[in-house]
Amino acid sequence: MASPNPELRRQVIAIYKELLHLGRNYPLGFGYFRPRLHKAFMANAQLKDEEEIRKGISRADFVRKEIEALYYLKKYRTLRKAYDGA
């Protein structure tokens, strides 16, 4: 059995760490976010096909962008409330 592509492994670990870092500010809390993130990655841990792994990485990247958009929206609403309400 061939060893997994080290570059793909590095990408998976990097996106996991990035999502974990973003989860610190998740509205429902890190305690809610972390187990779900771990479960999602473990559900795909058995993947061996490089194309399937790449699809998983792109899906994780999409989730990262969605979380960032959620944070920007929250920040925008907070600032708008602060300036409109004053």
C-alpha atoms as a PDB file:
ATOM      1  CA  MET A   1       0.000   0.000   0.000  1.00  0.00           C
ATOM      2  CA  ALA A   2       1.392   3.379  -1.006  1.00  0.00           C
ATOM      3  CA  SER A   3       1.714   6.097   1.585  1.00  0.00           C
ATOM      4  CA  PRO A   4      -0.672   9.038   1.245  1.00  0.00           C
ATOM      5  CA  ASN A   5       0.443  12.107  -0.648  1.00  0.00           C
ATOM      6  CA  PRO A   6       2.387  14.230   1.897  1.00  0.00           C
ATOM      7  CA  GLU A   7       1.293  17.470   0.221  1.00  0.00           C
ATOM      8  CA  LEU A   8      -2.398  16.559   0.585  1.00  0.00           C
ATOM      9  CA  ARG A   9      -1.809  15.549   4.193  1.00  0.00           C
ATOM     10  CA  ARG A  10      -0.186  18.929   4.862  1.00  0.00           C
ATOM     11  CA  GLN A  11      -3.153  20.713   3.256  1.00  0.00           C
ATOM     12  CA  VAL A  12      -5.664  18.756   5.343  1.00  0.00           C
ATOM     13  CA  ILE A  13      -3.809  19.526   8.568  1.00  0.00           C
ATOM     14  CA  ALA A  14      -3.483  23.198   7.610  1.00  0.00           C
ATOM     15  CA  ILE A  15      -7.212  23.635   6.854  1.00  0.00           C
ATOM     16  CA  TYR A  16      -8.087  21.782  10.073  1.00  0.00           C
ATOM     17  CA  LYS A  17      -5.878  24.123  12.111  1.00  0.00           C
ATOM     18  CA  GLU A  18      -7.303  27.145  10.323  1.00  0.00           C
ATOM     19  CA  LEU A  19     -10.877  26.057  11.033  1.00  0.00           C
ATOM     20  CA  LEU A  20      -9.969  25.279  14.636  1.00  0.00           C
ATOM     21  CA  HIS A  21      -8.546  28.781  15.009  1.00  0.00           C
ATOM     22  CA  LEU A  22     -11.679  30.327  13.466  1.00  0.00           C
ATOM     23  CA  GLY A  23     -13.817  28.277  15.841  1.00  0.00           C
ATOM     24  CA  ARG A  24     -12.541  30.212  18.838  1.00  0.00           C
ATOM     25  CA  ASN A  25     -14.926  33.049  17.994  1.00  0.00           C
ATOM     26  CA  TYR A  26     -17.848  30.883  16.900  1.00  0.00           C
ATOM     27  CA  PRO A  27     -21.149  32.333  18.200  1.00  0.00           C
ATOM     28  CA  LEU A  28     -22.192  29.079  19.907  1.00  0.00           C
ATOM     29  CA  GLY A  29     -18.773  28.711  21.507  1.00  0.00           C
ATOM     30  CA  PHE A  30     -15.629  26.691  20.952  1.00  0.00           C
ATOM     31  CA  GLY A  31     -17.067  23.805  22.961  1.00  0.00           C
ATOM     32  CA  TYR A  32     -19.833  23.498  20.381  1.00  0.00           C
ATOM     33  CA  PHE A  33     -17.577  24.014  17.346  1.00  0.00           C
ATOM     34  CA  ARG A  34     -14.580  21.768  18.067  1.00  0.00           C
ATOM     35  CA  PRO A  35     -16.344  18.392  18.476  1.00  0.00           C
ATOM     36  CA  ARG A  36     -18.329  18.958  15.291  1.00  0.00           C
ATOM     37  CA  LEU A  37     -15.216  19.920  13.345  1.00  0.00           C
ATOM     38  CA  HIS A  38     -13.388  16.856  14.651  1.00  0.00           C
ATOM     39  CA  LYS A  39     -16.325  14.599  13.779  1.00  0.00           C
ATOM     40  CA  ALA A  40     -16.498  16.007  10.232  1.00  0.00           C
ATOM     41  CA  PHE A  41     -12.792  15.404   9.640  1.00  0.00           C
ATOM     42  CA  MET A  42     -12.849  11.939  11.206  1.00  0.00           C
ATOM     43  CA  ALA A  43     -15.772  10.959   8.974  1.00  0.00           C
ATOM     44  CA  ASN A  44     -13.438  11.479   6.006  1.00  0.00           C
ATOM     45  CA  ALA A  45     -10.271  10.080   7.596  1.00  0.00           C
ATOM     46  CA  GLN A  46     -10.567   6.790   5.694  1.00  0.00           C
ATOM     47  CA  LEU A  47     -10.378   8.479   2.266  1.00  0.00           C
ATOM     48  CA  LYS A  48      -7.496   7.164   0.151  1.00  0.00           C
ATOM     49  CA  ASP A  49      -8.351   8.468  -3.316  1.00  0.00           C
ATOM     50  CA  GLU A  50      -6.489  11.723  -3.965  1.00  0.00           C
ATOM     51  CA  GLU A  51      -9.408  13.203  -5.914  1.00  0.00           C
ATOM     52  CA  GLU A  52     -11.795  12.538  -3.011  1.00  0.00           C
ATOM     53  CA  ILE A  53      -9.313  14.106  -0.584  1.00  0.00           C
ATOM     54  CA  ARG A  54      -9.063  17.187  -2.822  1.00  0.00           C
ATOM     55  CA  LYS A  55     -12.881  17.443  -2.848  1.00  0.00           C
ATOM     56  CA  GLY A  56     -12.866  17.268   0.946  1.00  0.00           C
ATOM     57  CA  ILE A  57     -10.250  20.011   1.138  1.00  0.00           C
ATOM     58  CA  SER A  58     -12.287  22.250  -1.170  1.00  0.00           C
ATOM     59  CA  ARG A  59     -15.412  21.575   0.924  1.00  0.00           C
ATOM     60  CA  ALA A  60     -13.488  22.530   4.083  1.00  0.00           C
ATOM     61  CA  ASP A  61     -12.235  25.679   2.344  1.00  0.00           C
ATOM     62  CA  PHE A  62     -15.824  26.581   1.462  1.00  0.00           C
ATOM     63  CA  VAL A  63     -16.827  26.133   5.119  1.00  0.00           C
ATOM     64  CA  ARG A  64     -13.900  28.357   6.148  1.00  0.00           C
ATOM     65  CA  LYS A  65     -15.108  31.105   3.819  1.00  0.00           C
ATOM     66  CA  GLU A  66     -18.661  30.778   5.153  1.00  0.00           C
ATOM     67  CA  ILE A  67     -17.456  31.102   8.750  1.00  0.00           C
ATOM     68  CA  GLU A  68     -15.367  34.157   7.859  1.00  0.00           C
ATOM     69  CA  ALA A  69     -18.418  35.705   6.160  1.00  0.00           C
ATOM     70  CA  LEU A  70     -20.451  35.020   9.310  1.00  0.00           C
ATOM     71  CA  TYR A  71     -17.836  36.831  11.409  1.00  0.00           C
ATOM     72  CA  TYR A  72     -17.674  39.820   9.054  1.00  0.00           C
ATOM     73  CA  LEU A  73     -21.452  40.079   9.079  1.00  0.00           C
ATOM     74  CA  LYS A  74     -21.508  39.954  12.873  1.00  0.00           C
ATOM     75  CA  LYS A  75     -18.822  42.659  13.056  1.00  0.00           C
ATOM     76  CA  TYR A  76     -20.688  44.792  10.508  1.00  0.00           C
ATOM     77  CA  ARG A  77     -23.965  44.522  12.414  1.00  0.00           C
ATOM     78  CA  THR A  78     -22.261  45.396  15.692  1.00  0.00           C
ATOM     79  CA  LEU A  79     -20.599  48.479  14.188  1.00  0.00           C
ATOM     80  CA  ARG A  80     -23.785  49.543  12.446  1.00  0.00           C
ATOM     81  CA  LYS A  81     -25.771  49.210  15.652  1.00  0.00           C
ATOM     82  CA  ALA A  82     -23.138  51.225  17.525  1.00  0.00           C
ATOM     83  CA  TYR A  83     -23.184  54.093  15.029  1.00  0.00           C
ATOM     84  CA  ASP A  84     -26.863  54.098  14.083  1.00  0.00           C
ATOM     85  CA  GLY A  85     -28.050  53.786  17.646  1.00  0.00           C
ATOM     86  CA  ALA A  86     -25.944  56.654  18.980  1.00  0.00           C
END
